Amino acid sequence: MLRASLLTALLAITGWQADAQTRMAPDDFLDIAVGHTLTFQHIASGKIVGTEQFINRTLNVWKQSGRTCIYGKITIDEGKICFDYESLDHPPPNCWWVFQDNDKFYVRKAEGMGGEIQEIINMSTARVDCPQAPIS
């Protein structure tokens, strides 16, 4: 109950309406994301966080703005989509809840009390510009 209250408060602070979104199952999200490159924007700051290419249901390439590419493995854990990146500063896995609001998609970090929220602002079939990125 406390966790739900904290989430509601966080979403209210960031201007994100919790009652308008539906949490998506990770498999349903992957059905949409695989074969696409998604651009993520931080809800609170409006800054672009980075782009992520979903190569298949278990492999992705993440590129933060102004940084090099990081390759990762995708897993599903208790309703969350998780990413195990080969060289990030924080320990794996990096797990997120996915939400849909009509034609918009959002992700909320599952770890910690912060619950960072990002909006997927673009989805394309273009590949991430990364050297030696796998294609399948």
N, C-alpha and C. Protein backbone atom coordinates (compact mmCIF):
# COMPACT_ATOMS: atom_id res chain seq x y z
N MET A 1 0.81 -1.19 0.00
CA MET A 1 0.00 0.00 0.00
C MET A 1 0.86 1.26 0.00
N LEU A 2 1.90 1.27 0.83
CA LEU A 2 2.80 2.41 0.88
C LEU A 2 3.48 2.61 -0.48
N ARG A 3 3.92 1.51 -1.09
CA ARG A 3 4.59 1.59 -2.39
C ARG A 3 3.64 2.18 -3.44
N ALA A 4 2.38 1.76 -3.44
CA ALA A 4 1.41 2.30 -4.39
C ALA A 4 1.18 3.78 -4.15
N SER A 5 1.13 4.20 -2.88
CA SER A 5 0.95 5.61 -2.55
C SER A 5 2.14 6.44 -3.01
N LEU A 6 3.35 5.90 -2.82
CA LEU A 6 4.55 6.60 -3.26
C LEU A 6 4.58 6.73 -4.78
N LEU A 7 4.16 5.67 -5.48
CA LEU A 7 4.13 5.73 -6.94
C LEU A 7 3.13 6.79 -7.39
N THR A 8 1.96 6.81 -6.80
CA THR A 8 0.96 7.81 -7.16
C THR A 8 1.49 9.22 -6.94
N ALA A 9 2.17 9.43 -5.80
CA ALA A 9 2.75 10.74 -5.50
C ALA A 9 3.82 11.11 -6.52
N LEU A 10 4.69 10.15 -6.86
CA LEU A 10 5.74 10.41 -7.84
C LEU A 10 5.15 10.77 -9.19
N LEU A 11 4.16 10.02 -9.61
CA LEU A 11 3.55 10.28 -10.91
C LEU A 11 2.85 11.64 -10.91
N ALA A 12 2.25 12.01 -9.80
CA ALA A 12 1.60 13.32 -9.71
C ALA A 12 2.63 14.45 -9.78
N ILE A 13 3.77 14.27 -9.12
CA ILE A 13 4.83 15.28 -9.12
C ILE A 13 5.36 15.49 -10.54
N THR A 14 5.52 14.38 -11.29
CA THR A 14 6.08 14.49 -12.64
C THR A 14 5.02 14.86 -13.67
N GLY A 15 3.76 14.96 -13.25
CA GLY A 15 2.71 15.31 -14.20
C GLY A 15 2.20 14.12 -14.99
N TRP A 16 2.54 12.94 -14.57
CA TRP A 16 2.17 11.73 -15.29
C TRP A 16 0.91 11.17 -14.67
N GLN A 17 -0.15 11.05 -15.41
CA GLN A 17 -1.44 10.60 -14.89
C GLN A 17 -1.51 9.08 -14.82
N ALA A 18 -1.44 8.54 -13.61
CA ALA A 18 -1.40 7.09 -13.40
C ALA A 18 -2.68 6.41 -13.84
N ASP A 19 -3.82 7.10 -13.75
CA ASP A 19 -5.08 6.44 -14.05
C ASP A 19 -5.32 6.29 -15.55
N ALA A 20 -4.56 6.95 -16.39
CA ALA A 20 -4.78 6.91 -17.83
C ALA A 20 -3.98 5.81 -18.53
N GLN A 21 -3.00 5.24 -17.85
CA GLN A 21 -2.13 4.26 -18.47
C GLN A 21 -2.50 2.84 -18.06
N THR A 22 -2.14 1.91 -18.94
CA THR A 22 -2.32 0.49 -18.67
C THR A 22 -0.95 -0.16 -18.71
N ARG A 23 -0.64 -0.93 -17.67
CA ARG A 23 0.65 -1.62 -17.69
C ARG A 23 0.59 -2.74 -18.71
N MET A 24 1.66 -2.83 -19.51
CA MET A 24 1.75 -3.84 -20.57
C MET A 24 2.56 -5.03 -20.08
N ALA A 25 2.21 -6.19 -20.55
CA ALA A 25 3.03 -7.36 -20.33
C ALA A 25 4.30 -7.22 -21.17
N PRO A 26 5.46 -7.62 -20.64
CA PRO A 26 6.70 -7.49 -21.40
C PRO A 26 6.65 -8.17 -22.78
N ASP A 27 6.01 -9.32 -22.87
CA ASP A 27 5.91 -10.00 -24.16
C ASP A 27 5.11 -9.18 -25.17
N ASP A 28 4.05 -8.51 -24.71
CA ASP A 28 3.26 -7.66 -25.60
C ASP A 28 4.09 -6.47 -26.08
N PHE A 29 4.89 -5.90 -25.17
CA PHE A 29 5.77 -4.80 -25.56
C PHE A 29 6.80 -5.28 -26.58
N LEU A 30 7.40 -6.44 -26.34
CA LEU A 30 8.41 -6.96 -27.27
C LEU A 30 7.80 -7.26 -28.64
N ASP A 31 6.54 -7.69 -28.68
CA ASP A 31 5.87 -7.90 -29.97
C ASP A 31 5.91 -6.63 -30.81
N ILE A 32 5.81 -5.48 -30.16
CA ILE A 32 5.82 -4.19 -30.86
C ILE A 32 7.25 -3.70 -31.10
N ALA A 33 8.13 -3.87 -30.11
CA ALA A 33 9.47 -3.26 -30.16
C ALA A 33 10.47 -4.00 -31.05
N VAL A 34 10.39 -5.32 -31.12
CA VAL A 34 11.39 -6.09 -31.88
C VAL A 34 11.38 -5.66 -33.34
N GLY A 35 12.58 -5.40 -33.86
CA GLY A 35 12.73 -4.93 -35.23
C GLY A 35 12.68 -3.42 -35.35
N HIS A 36 12.58 -2.74 -34.21
CA HIS A 36 12.50 -1.29 -34.21
C HIS A 36 13.58 -0.67 -33.31
N THR A 37 13.81 0.61 -33.55
CA THR A 37 14.68 1.41 -32.70
C THR A 37 13.80 2.45 -32.03
N LEU A 38 13.88 2.52 -30.70
CA LEU A 38 13.04 3.41 -29.92
C LEU A 38 13.88 4.53 -29.32
N THR A 39 13.33 5.73 -29.29
CA THR A 39 13.99 6.87 -28.67
C THR A 39 13.26 7.18 -27.37
N PHE A 40 14.04 7.32 -26.28
CA PHE A 40 13.49 7.54 -24.95
C PHE A 40 13.78 8.96 -24.47
N GLN A 41 12.75 9.59 -23.90
CA GLN A 41 12.88 10.95 -23.36
C GLN A 41 12.49 10.92 -21.88
N HIS A 42 13.32 11.55 -21.04
CA HIS A 42 13.05 11.64 -19.61
C HIS A 42 11.83 12.54 -19.40
N ILE A 43 10.82 12.03 -18.70
CA ILE A 43 9.58 12.77 -18.51
C ILE A 43 9.80 14.08 -17.75
N ALA A 44 10.54 14.03 -16.64
CA ALA A 44 10.70 15.21 -15.80
C ALA A 44 11.51 16.32 -16.46
N SER A 45 12.60 15.94 -17.15
CA SER A 45 13.50 16.96 -17.70
C SER A 45 13.23 17.27 -19.17
N GLY A 46 12.59 16.34 -19.88
CA GLY A 46 12.37 16.52 -21.31
C GLY A 46 13.59 16.21 -22.15
N LYS A 47 14.68 15.77 -21.53
CA LYS A 47 15.91 15.46 -22.26
C LYS A 47 15.85 14.06 -22.87
N ILE A 48 16.48 13.93 -24.05
CA ILE A 48 16.59 12.62 -24.69
C ILE A 48 17.57 11.78 -23.86
N VAL A 49 17.14 10.59 -23.49
CA VAL A 49 17.99 9.69 -22.71
C VAL A 49 18.87 8.87 -23.65
N GLY A 50 18.29 8.37 -24.73
CA GLY A 50 19.04 7.58 -25.69
C GLY A 50 18.12 6.82 -26.62
N THR A 51 18.74 5.97 -27.43
CA THR A 51 17.98 5.13 -28.36
C THR A 51 18.34 3.67 -28.12
N GLU A 52 17.37 2.82 -28.40
CA GLU A 52 17.57 1.39 -28.17
C GLU A 52 16.99 0.62 -29.34
N GLN A 53 17.82 -0.23 -29.93
CA GLN A 53 17.39 -1.08 -31.02
C GLN A 53 17.10 -2.47 -30.46
N PHE A 54 15.88 -2.93 -30.68
CA PHE A 54 15.47 -4.26 -30.25
C PHE A 54 15.69 -5.22 -31.42
N ILE A 55 16.83 -5.88 -31.40
CA ILE A 55 17.23 -6.74 -32.52
C ILE A 55 16.36 -7.98 -32.58
N ASN A 56 16.18 -8.62 -31.44
CA ASN A 56 15.24 -9.74 -31.32
C ASN A 56 14.73 -9.74 -29.89
N ARG A 57 14.05 -10.80 -29.47
CA ARG A 57 13.44 -10.82 -28.14
C ARG A 57 14.45 -10.95 -27.01
N THR A 58 15.71 -11.23 -27.34
CA THR A 58 16.71 -11.42 -26.29
C THR A 58 17.95 -10.56 -26.47
N LEU A 59 18.02 -9.73 -27.51
CA LEU A 59 19.22 -8.95 -27.80
C LEU A 59 18.86 -7.51 -28.19
N ASN A 60 19.61 -6.56 -27.60
CA ASN A 60 19.37 -5.15 -27.89
C ASN A 60 20.69 -4.38 -27.94
N VAL A 61 20.61 -3.18 -28.51
CA VAL A 61 21.74 -2.24 -28.54
C VAL A 61 21.22 -0.92 -27.99
N TRP A 62 21.88 -0.39 -26.96
CA TRP A 62 21.50 0.86 -26.31
C TRP A 62 22.58 1.90 -26.59
N LYS A 63 22.15 3.09 -26.98
CA LYS A 63 23.10 4.18 -27.20
C LYS A 63 22.57 5.44 -26.53
N GLN A 64 23.28 5.87 -25.48
CA GLN A 64 22.92 7.12 -24.83
C GLN A 64 23.45 8.27 -25.66
N SER A 65 22.79 9.41 -25.56
CA SER A 65 23.22 10.59 -26.30
C SER A 65 24.67 10.91 -25.99
N GLY A 66 25.49 11.01 -27.03
CA GLY A 66 26.89 11.38 -26.88
C GLY A 66 27.80 10.29 -26.35
N ARG A 67 27.31 9.06 -26.26
CA ARG A 67 28.13 7.97 -25.73
C ARG A 67 28.23 6.82 -26.73
N THR A 68 29.03 5.84 -26.36
CA THR A 68 29.19 4.68 -27.23
C THR A 68 28.04 3.69 -27.04
N CYS A 69 27.99 2.71 -27.89
CA CYS A 69 26.95 1.69 -27.85
C CYS A 69 27.23 0.65 -26.78
N ILE A 70 26.15 0.15 -26.19
CA ILE A 70 26.23 -0.91 -25.20
C ILE A 70 25.30 -2.02 -25.65
N TYR A 71 25.80 -3.22 -25.71
CA TYR A 71 25.00 -4.36 -26.13
C TYR A 71 24.45 -5.05 -24.90
N GLY A 72 23.23 -5.55 -25.01
CA GLY A 72 22.60 -6.16 -23.85
C GLY A 72 21.74 -7.35 -24.19
N LYS A 73 21.39 -8.06 -23.13
CA LYS A 73 20.49 -9.21 -23.23
C LYS A 73 19.19 -8.84 -22.55
N ILE A 74 18.09 -9.20 -23.18
CA ILE A 74 16.76 -8.90 -22.67
C ILE A 74 16.20 -10.13 -21.97
N THR A 75 15.66 -9.93 -20.78
CA THR A 75 14.97 -11.00 -20.06
C THR A 75 13.66 -10.44 -19.51
N ILE A 76 12.80 -11.34 -19.07
CA ILE A 76 11.55 -10.96 -18.44
C ILE A 76 11.57 -11.54 -17.03
N ASP A 77 11.23 -10.69 -16.05
CA ASP A 77 11.26 -11.12 -14.65
C ASP A 77 10.04 -10.56 -13.92
N GLU A 78 9.13 -11.42 -13.56
CA GLU A 78 7.95 -11.05 -12.77
C GLU A 78 7.22 -9.83 -13.34
N GLY A 79 6.95 -9.86 -14.63
CA GLY A 79 6.19 -8.79 -15.26
C GLY A 79 6.99 -7.56 -15.66
N LYS A 80 8.30 -7.61 -15.46
CA LYS A 80 9.17 -6.49 -15.85
C LYS A 80 10.03 -6.93 -17.03
N ILE A 81 10.39 -5.96 -17.86
CA ILE A 81 11.36 -6.22 -18.91
C ILE A 81 12.72 -5.77 -18.37
N CYS A 82 13.72 -6.65 -18.47
CA CYS A 82 15.02 -6.39 -17.86
C CYS A 82 16.12 -6.44 -18.91
N PHE A 83 17.13 -5.61 -18.71
CA PHE A 83 18.26 -5.52 -19.62
C PHE A 83 19.54 -5.75 -18.84
N ASP A 84 20.35 -6.64 -19.34
CA ASP A 84 21.65 -6.93 -18.74
C ASP A 84 22.69 -6.42 -19.73
N TYR A 85 23.18 -5.20 -19.49
CA TYR A 85 24.13 -4.57 -20.39
C TYR A 85 25.55 -4.99 -20.05
N GLU A 86 26.36 -5.12 -21.08
CA GLU A 86 27.72 -5.65 -20.89
C GLU A 86 28.66 -4.72 -20.15
N SER A 87 28.40 -3.41 -20.13
CA SER A 87 29.39 -2.52 -19.52
C SER A 87 28.79 -1.24 -18.96
N LEU A 88 27.79 -1.35 -18.12
CA LEU A 88 27.24 -0.15 -17.49
C LEU A 88 27.79 -0.01 -16.08
N ASP A 89 27.68 1.21 -15.55
CA ASP A 89 28.20 1.50 -14.22
C ASP A 89 27.41 0.83 -13.09
N HIS A 90 26.16 0.49 -13.34
CA HIS A 90 25.36 -0.13 -12.29
C HIS A 90 25.23 -1.63 -12.54
N PRO A 91 25.02 -2.39 -11.47
CA PRO A 91 24.94 -3.84 -11.63
C PRO A 91 23.66 -4.26 -12.36
N PRO A 92 23.74 -5.32 -13.14
CA PRO A 92 22.54 -5.80 -13.83
C PRO A 92 21.62 -6.50 -12.84
N PRO A 93 20.41 -6.77 -13.19
CA PRO A 93 19.74 -6.29 -14.40
C PRO A 93 19.11 -4.90 -14.19
N ASN A 94 18.79 -4.26 -15.28
CA ASN A 94 18.17 -2.95 -15.29
C ASN A 94 16.71 -3.20 -15.72
N CYS A 95 15.77 -3.19 -14.78
CA CYS A 95 14.40 -3.61 -15.06
C CYS A 95 13.42 -2.44 -15.10
N TRP A 96 12.41 -2.58 -15.97
CA TRP A 96 11.43 -1.51 -16.20
C TRP A 96 10.03 -2.10 -16.31
N TRP A 97 9.03 -1.32 -15.86
CA TRP A 97 7.63 -1.60 -16.11
C TRP A 97 7.28 -0.82 -17.38
N VAL A 98 6.46 -1.39 -18.25
CA VAL A 98 6.04 -0.72 -19.48
C VAL A 98 4.56 -0.38 -19.37
N PHE A 99 4.21 0.85 -19.78
CA PHE A 99 2.83 1.31 -19.74
C PHE A 99 2.45 1.83 -21.12
N GLN A 100 1.16 1.72 -21.43
CA GLN A 100 0.63 2.26 -22.68
C GLN A 100 -0.53 3.18 -22.35
N ASP A 101 -0.57 4.32 -23.06
CA ASP A 101 -1.66 5.27 -22.95
C ASP A 101 -2.07 5.61 -24.38
N ASN A 102 -3.10 4.95 -24.87
CA ASN A 102 -3.51 5.07 -26.27
C ASN A 102 -2.33 4.72 -27.17
N ASP A 103 -1.82 5.71 -27.94
CA ASP A 103 -0.71 5.41 -28.85
C ASP A 103 0.65 5.80 -28.27
N LYS A 104 0.71 6.12 -26.98
CA LYS A 104 1.98 6.47 -26.34
C LYS A 104 2.44 5.34 -25.42
N PHE A 105 3.76 5.21 -25.31
CA PHE A 105 4.35 4.20 -24.45
C PHE A 105 5.30 4.86 -23.47
N TYR A 106 5.31 4.35 -22.24
CA TYR A 106 6.16 4.85 -21.17
C TYR A 106 6.84 3.68 -20.48
N VAL A 107 7.99 3.94 -19.90
CA VAL A 107 8.66 2.95 -19.06
C VAL A 107 8.98 3.60 -17.72
N ARG A 108 8.86 2.80 -16.66
CA ARG A 108 9.20 3.28 -15.32
C ARG A 108 10.19 2.32 -14.70
N LYS A 109 11.30 2.85 -14.24
CA LYS A 109 12.33 2.03 -13.63
C LYS A 109 11.75 1.27 -12.44
N ALA A 110 12.00 -0.02 -12.38
CA ALA A 110 11.40 -0.87 -11.35
C ALA A 110 12.21 -0.89 -10.06
N GLU A 111 13.49 -0.57 -10.11
CA GLU A 111 14.33 -0.63 -8.92
C GLU A 111 14.30 0.69 -8.17
N GLY A 112 14.44 0.59 -6.87
CA GLY A 112 14.56 1.79 -6.05
C GLY A 112 13.26 2.54 -5.89
N MET A 113 13.31 3.57 -5.10
CA MET A 113 12.12 4.37 -4.82
C MET A 113 11.94 5.50 -5.83
N GLY A 114 12.99 5.80 -6.62
CA GLY A 114 12.92 6.91 -7.56
C GLY A 114 11.93 6.71 -8.68
N GLY A 115 11.90 5.51 -9.23
CA GLY A 115 10.95 5.19 -10.28
C GLY A 115 11.03 6.10 -11.48
N GLU A 116 12.24 6.32 -12.00
CA GLU A 116 12.43 7.18 -13.17
C GLU A 116 11.45 6.80 -14.27
N ILE A 117 10.86 7.81 -14.91
CA ILE A 117 9.87 7.58 -15.98
C ILE A 117 10.38 8.19 -17.27
N GLN A 118 10.27 7.40 -18.35
CA GLN A 118 10.66 7.86 -19.67
C GLN A 118 9.53 7.59 -20.64
N GLU A 119 9.41 8.46 -21.63
CA GLU A 119 8.43 8.27 -22.70
C GLU A 119 9.16 7.83 -23.96
N ILE A 120 8.57 6.91 -24.67
CA ILE A 120 9.10 6.52 -25.97
C ILE A 120 8.52 7.51 -26.96
N ILE A 121 9.39 8.37 -27.50
CA ILE A 121 8.90 9.46 -28.35
C ILE A 121 9.04 9.17 -29.84
N ASN A 122 9.77 8.11 -30.17
CA ASN A 122 9.90 7.75 -31.58
C ASN A 122 10.17 6.26 -31.70
N MET A 123 9.58 5.66 -32.73
CA MET A 123 9.83 4.27 -33.04
C MET A 123 10.05 4.17 -34.54
N SER A 124 11.22 3.66 -34.94
CA SER A 124 11.53 3.57 -36.36
C SER A 124 12.16 2.23 -36.68
N THR A 125 12.33 1.97 -37.96
CA THR A 125 13.01 0.75 -38.39
C THR A 125 14.49 1.01 -38.67
N ALA A 126 14.94 2.24 -38.46
CA ALA A 126 16.36 2.56 -38.65
C ALA A 126 17.19 1.85 -37.59
N ARG A 127 18.39 1.46 -37.97
CA ARG A 127 19.29 0.81 -37.01
C ARG A 127 20.05 1.87 -36.21
N VAL A 128 20.42 1.49 -34.98
CA VAL A 128 21.27 2.37 -34.18
C VAL A 128 22.63 2.42 -34.86
N ASP A 129 23.22 3.61 -34.91
CA ASP A 129 24.52 3.78 -35.55
C ASP A 129 25.62 3.29 -34.62
N CYS A 130 25.86 1.98 -34.67
CA CYS A 130 26.85 1.36 -33.79
C CYS A 130 27.74 0.43 -34.63
N PRO A 131 29.04 0.47 -34.39
CA PRO A 131 29.91 -0.44 -35.13
C PRO A 131 29.64 -1.90 -34.73
N GLN A 132 29.62 -2.74 -35.71
CA GLN A 132 29.46 -4.17 -35.52
C GLN A 132 28.19 -4.55 -34.76
N ALA A 133 27.13 -3.78 -34.93
CA ALA A 133 25.86 -4.14 -34.29
C ALA A 133 25.29 -5.38 -34.95
N PRO A 134 24.87 -6.36 -34.17
CA PRO A 134 24.26 -7.55 -34.76
C PRO A 134 22.98 -7.18 -35.50
N ILE A 135 22.62 -7.96 -36.49
CA ILE A 135 21.41 -7.65 -37.24
C ILE A 135 20.28 -8.64 -36.97
N SER A 136 20.57 -9.71 -36.24
CA SER A 136 19.50 -10.65 -35.91
C SER A 136 19.83 -11.46 -34.68
